[in-house]
Amino acid sequence: MATNVTRNVLLALLAFLGLGAIAGGGALIASPSGKLLGIPLSILAPSPFRDFLAPGLLLFFFVGLAPLGTIYALLEKPDSTFAEQFNFFDDMHWSWTACVYVSFTLILWLQAEMLICTS
């Protein structure tokens, strides 16, 4: 019972992260100037980016689609020899390792955002 509750909480958090990142990334892709979200381009001054297109693409694909793909993998458990190469849980499906990689991706995203936007 506790395992199902834990898994369902994980699925809900992954969905929240993925859908939010897809919405935010999509808005930045649609409006690279940041006006759609009310973000001034001036916060990118210390960064290598001239507009929000590249950050929007990174947000959309890595922070948005990756969690949603992980949800699919957790529920359907598809076989993947490629993903299995990165699985460090020998007794578990590779999708559990994907959850760890999604977490690291989010941490890296937040750290990069803080370094770039607050310099």
C-alpha atoms as a PDB file:
ATOM      1  CA  MET A   1       0.000   0.000   0.000  1.00  0.00           C
ATOM      2  CA  ALA A   2       2.735   2.481   0.969  1.00  0.00           C
ATOM      3  CA  THR A   3       4.592   1.677  -2.261  1.00  0.00           C
ATOM      4  CA  ASN A   4       1.528   2.589  -4.358  1.00  0.00           C
ATOM      5  CA  VAL A   5       1.080   5.852  -2.466  1.00  0.00           C
ATOM      6  CA  THR A   6       4.756   6.710  -2.908  1.00  0.00           C
ATOM      7  CA  ARG A   7       4.634   5.863  -6.614  1.00  0.00           C
ATOM      8  CA  ASN A   8       1.480   7.923  -7.108  1.00  0.00           C
ATOM      9  CA  VAL A   9       3.029  10.933  -5.348  1.00  0.00           C
ATOM     10  CA  LEU A  10       6.088  10.563  -7.582  1.00  0.00           C
ATOM     11  CA  LEU A  11       3.892  10.367 -10.691  1.00  0.00           C
ATOM     12  CA  ALA A  12       1.975  13.488  -9.609  1.00  0.00           C
ATOM     13  CA  LEU A  13       5.190  15.436  -8.968  1.00  0.00           C
ATOM     14  CA  LEU A  14       6.663  14.373 -12.307  1.00  0.00           C
ATOM     15  CA  ALA A  15       3.453  15.418 -14.065  1.00  0.00           C
ATOM     16  CA  PHE A  16       3.454  18.794 -12.295  1.00  0.00           C
ATOM     17  CA  LEU A  17       7.097  19.391 -13.221  1.00  0.00           C
ATOM     18  CA  GLY A  18       6.693  18.220 -16.812  1.00  0.00           C
ATOM     19  CA  LEU A  19       3.499  20.111 -17.582  1.00  0.00           C
ATOM     20  CA  GLY A  20       4.769  23.290 -15.945  1.00  0.00           C
ATOM     21  CA  ALA A  21       8.050  23.145 -17.841  1.00  0.00           C
ATOM     22  CA  ILE A  22       6.264  22.467 -21.118  1.00  0.00           C
ATOM     23  CA  ALA A  23       3.996  25.455 -20.519  1.00  0.00           C
ATOM     24  CA  GLY A  24       6.892  27.726 -19.522  1.00  0.00           C
ATOM     25  CA  GLY A  25       9.226  26.465 -22.215  1.00  0.00           C
ATOM     26  CA  GLY A  26       6.486  26.692 -24.829  1.00  0.00           C
ATOM     27  CA  ALA A  27       5.754  30.279 -23.821  1.00  0.00           C
ATOM     28  CA  LEU A  28       9.449  31.170 -24.102  1.00  0.00           C
ATOM     29  CA  ILE A  29       9.663  29.476 -27.503  1.00  0.00           C
ATOM     30  CA  ALA A  30       6.529  31.281 -28.703  1.00  0.00           C
ATOM     31  CA  SER A  31       7.781  34.618 -27.377  1.00  0.00           C
ATOM     32  CA  PRO A  32      11.595  34.633 -27.179  1.00  0.00           C
ATOM     33  CA  SER A  33      11.489  38.239 -25.996  1.00  0.00           C
ATOM     34  CA  GLY A  34       9.897  37.060 -22.734  1.00  0.00           C
ATOM     35  CA  LYS A  35       6.956  39.456 -23.077  1.00  0.00           C
ATOM     36  CA  LEU A  36       4.400  36.648 -22.964  1.00  0.00           C
ATOM     37  CA  LEU A  37       5.556  35.794 -19.439  1.00  0.00           C
ATOM     38  CA  GLY A  38       6.503  39.341 -18.479  1.00  0.00           C
ATOM     39  CA  ILE A  39      10.211  38.570 -18.181  1.00  0.00           C
ATOM     40  CA  PRO A  40      12.581  41.378 -19.213  1.00  0.00           C
ATOM     41  CA  LEU A  41      15.453  40.513 -21.551  1.00  0.00           C
ATOM     42  CA  SER A  42      17.741  42.446 -19.223  1.00  0.00           C
ATOM     43  CA  ILE A  43      18.020  39.450 -16.892  1.00  0.00           C
ATOM     44  CA  LEU A  44      19.881  37.650 -19.686  1.00  0.00           C
ATOM     45  CA  ALA A  45      22.545  40.383 -19.886  1.00  0.00           C
ATOM     46  CA  PRO A  46      25.224  38.394 -18.015  1.00  0.00           C
ATOM     47  CA  SER A  47      24.357  35.212 -19.925  1.00  0.00           C
ATOM     48  CA  PRO A  48      25.458  33.945 -23.343  1.00  0.00           C
ATOM     49  CA  PHE A  49      21.835  34.166 -24.564  1.00  0.00           C
ATOM     50  CA  ARG A  50      20.402  37.089 -26.523  1.00  0.00           C
ATOM     51  CA  ASP A  51      16.804  35.977 -26.036  1.00  0.00           C
ATOM     52  CA  PHE A  52      14.812  33.222 -24.340  1.00  0.00           C
ATOM     53  CA  LEU A  53      14.591  30.829 -27.302  1.00  0.00           C
ATOM     54  CA  ALA A  54      17.487  28.534 -26.303  1.00  0.00           C
ATOM     55  CA  PRO A  55      16.514  28.477 -22.591  1.00  0.00           C
ATOM     56  CA  GLY A  56      12.916  27.827 -23.653  1.00  0.00           C
ATOM     57  CA  LEU A  57      13.953  24.875 -25.809  1.00  0.00           C
ATOM     58  CA  LEU A  58      16.087  23.439 -22.996  1.00  0.00           C
ATOM     59  CA  LEU A  59      13.249  23.896 -20.508  1.00  0.00           C
ATOM     60  CA  PHE A  60      10.685  22.361 -22.861  1.00  0.00           C
ATOM     61  CA  PHE A  61      12.679  19.259 -23.783  1.00  0.00           C
ATOM     62  CA  PHE A  62      14.858  18.444 -20.780  1.00  0.00           C
ATOM     63  CA  VAL A  63      12.739  19.664 -17.879  1.00  0.00           C
ATOM     64  CA  GLY A  64       9.358  19.189 -19.594  1.00  0.00           C
ATOM     65  CA  LEU A  65       9.340  16.157 -21.854  1.00  0.00           C
ATOM     66  CA  ALA A  66      11.806  14.080 -19.823  1.00  0.00           C
ATOM     67  CA  PRO A  67       9.525  13.833 -16.751  1.00  0.00           C
ATOM     68  CA  LEU A  68       6.529  12.993 -18.929  1.00  0.00           C
ATOM     69  CA  GLY A  69       8.541  10.289 -20.684  1.00  0.00           C
ATOM     70  CA  THR A  70       9.565   8.985 -17.291  1.00  0.00           C
ATOM     71  CA  ILE A  71       5.906   8.773 -16.258  1.00  0.00           C
ATOM     72  CA  TYR A  72       5.214   6.690 -19.344  1.00  0.00           C
ATOM     73  CA  ALA A  73       8.194   4.451 -18.561  1.00  0.00           C
ATOM     74  CA  LEU A  74       7.131   3.990 -14.939  1.00  0.00           C
ATOM     75  CA  LEU A  75       3.610   2.986 -15.950  1.00  0.00           C
ATOM     76  CA  GLU A  76       4.277   0.921 -19.084  1.00  0.00           C
ATOM     77  CA  LYS A  77       7.782  -0.410 -18.309  1.00  0.00           C
ATOM     78  CA  PRO A  78       9.003  -0.605 -21.923  1.00  0.00           C
ATOM     79  CA  ASP A  79      12.211  -2.489 -22.708  1.00  0.00           C
ATOM     80  CA  SER A  80      15.153  -0.327 -23.717  1.00  0.00           C
ATOM     81  CA  THR A  81      18.672  -1.647 -24.033  1.00  0.00           C
ATOM     82  CA  PHE A  82      19.953   1.929 -24.329  1.00  0.00           C
ATOM     83  CA  ALA A  83      18.272   3.089 -21.106  1.00  0.00           C
ATOM     84  CA  GLU A  84      19.290  -0.122 -19.347  1.00  0.00           C
ATOM     85  CA  GLN A  85      22.941   0.869 -19.805  1.00  0.00           C
ATOM     86  CA  PHE A  86      22.382   3.820 -17.448  1.00  0.00           C
ATOM     87  CA  ASN A  87      20.383   1.871 -14.872  1.00  0.00           C
ATOM     88  CA  PHE A  88      22.226   1.606 -11.562  1.00  0.00           C
ATOM     89  CA  PHE A  89      19.399  -0.273  -9.835  1.00  0.00           C
ATOM     90  CA  ASP A  90      20.054  -3.886 -10.839  1.00  0.00           C
ATOM     91  CA  ASP A  91      16.803  -5.196  -9.412  1.00  0.00           C
ATOM     92  CA  MET A  92      14.524  -2.425 -10.751  1.00  0.00           C
ATOM     93  CA  HIS A  93      13.254  -1.198 -14.098  1.00  0.00           C
ATOM     94  CA  TRP A  94      15.352   1.529 -15.711  1.00  0.00           C
ATOM     95  CA  SER A  95      12.536   4.043 -15.286  1.00  0.00           C
ATOM     96  CA  TRP A  96      13.385   4.383 -11.578  1.00  0.00           C
ATOM     97  CA  THR A  97      16.887   5.502 -12.519  1.00  0.00           C
ATOM     98  CA  ALA A  98      15.303   7.926 -14.983  1.00  0.00           C
ATOM     99  CA  CYS A  99      13.585   9.561 -11.990  1.00  0.00           C
ATOM    100  CA  VAL A 100      16.991  10.205 -10.453  1.00  0.00           C
ATOM    101  CA  TYR A 101      18.247  11.684 -13.720  1.00  0.00           C
ATOM    102  CA  VAL A 102      15.178  13.932 -13.937  1.00  0.00           C
ATOM    103  CA  SER A 103      15.943  15.137 -10.406  1.00  0.00           C
ATOM    104  CA  PHE A 104      19.555  15.911 -11.316  1.00  0.00           C
ATOM    105  CA  THR A 105      18.377  17.723 -14.445  1.00  0.00           C
ATOM    106  CA  LEU A 106      16.076  19.916 -12.358  1.00  0.00           C
ATOM    107  CA  ILE A 107      18.874  20.674  -9.889  1.00  0.00           C
ATOM    108  CA  LEU A 108      21.238  21.594 -12.738  1.00  0.00           C
ATOM    109  CA  TRP A 109      18.561  23.738 -14.382  1.00  0.00           C
ATOM    110  CA  LEU A 110      17.918  25.671 -11.159  1.00  0.00           C
ATOM    111  CA  GLN A 111      21.635  26.122 -10.431  1.00  0.00           C
ATOM    112  CA  ALA A 112      22.338  27.359 -13.971  1.00  0.00           C
ATOM    113  CA  GLU A 113      19.376  29.709 -13.752  1.00  0.00           C
ATOM    114  CA  MET A 114      20.637  31.169 -10.495  1.00  0.00           C
ATOM    115  CA  LEU A 115      24.208  31.538 -11.761  1.00  0.00           C
ATOM    116  CA  ILE A 116      23.232  33.106 -15.066  1.00  0.00           C
ATOM    117  CA  CYS A 117      20.392  35.356 -13.945  1.00  0.00           C
ATOM    118  CA  THR A 118      21.913  36.688 -10.725  1.00  0.00           C
ATOM    119  CA  SER A 119      25.439  37.433 -11.941  1.00  0.00           C
END
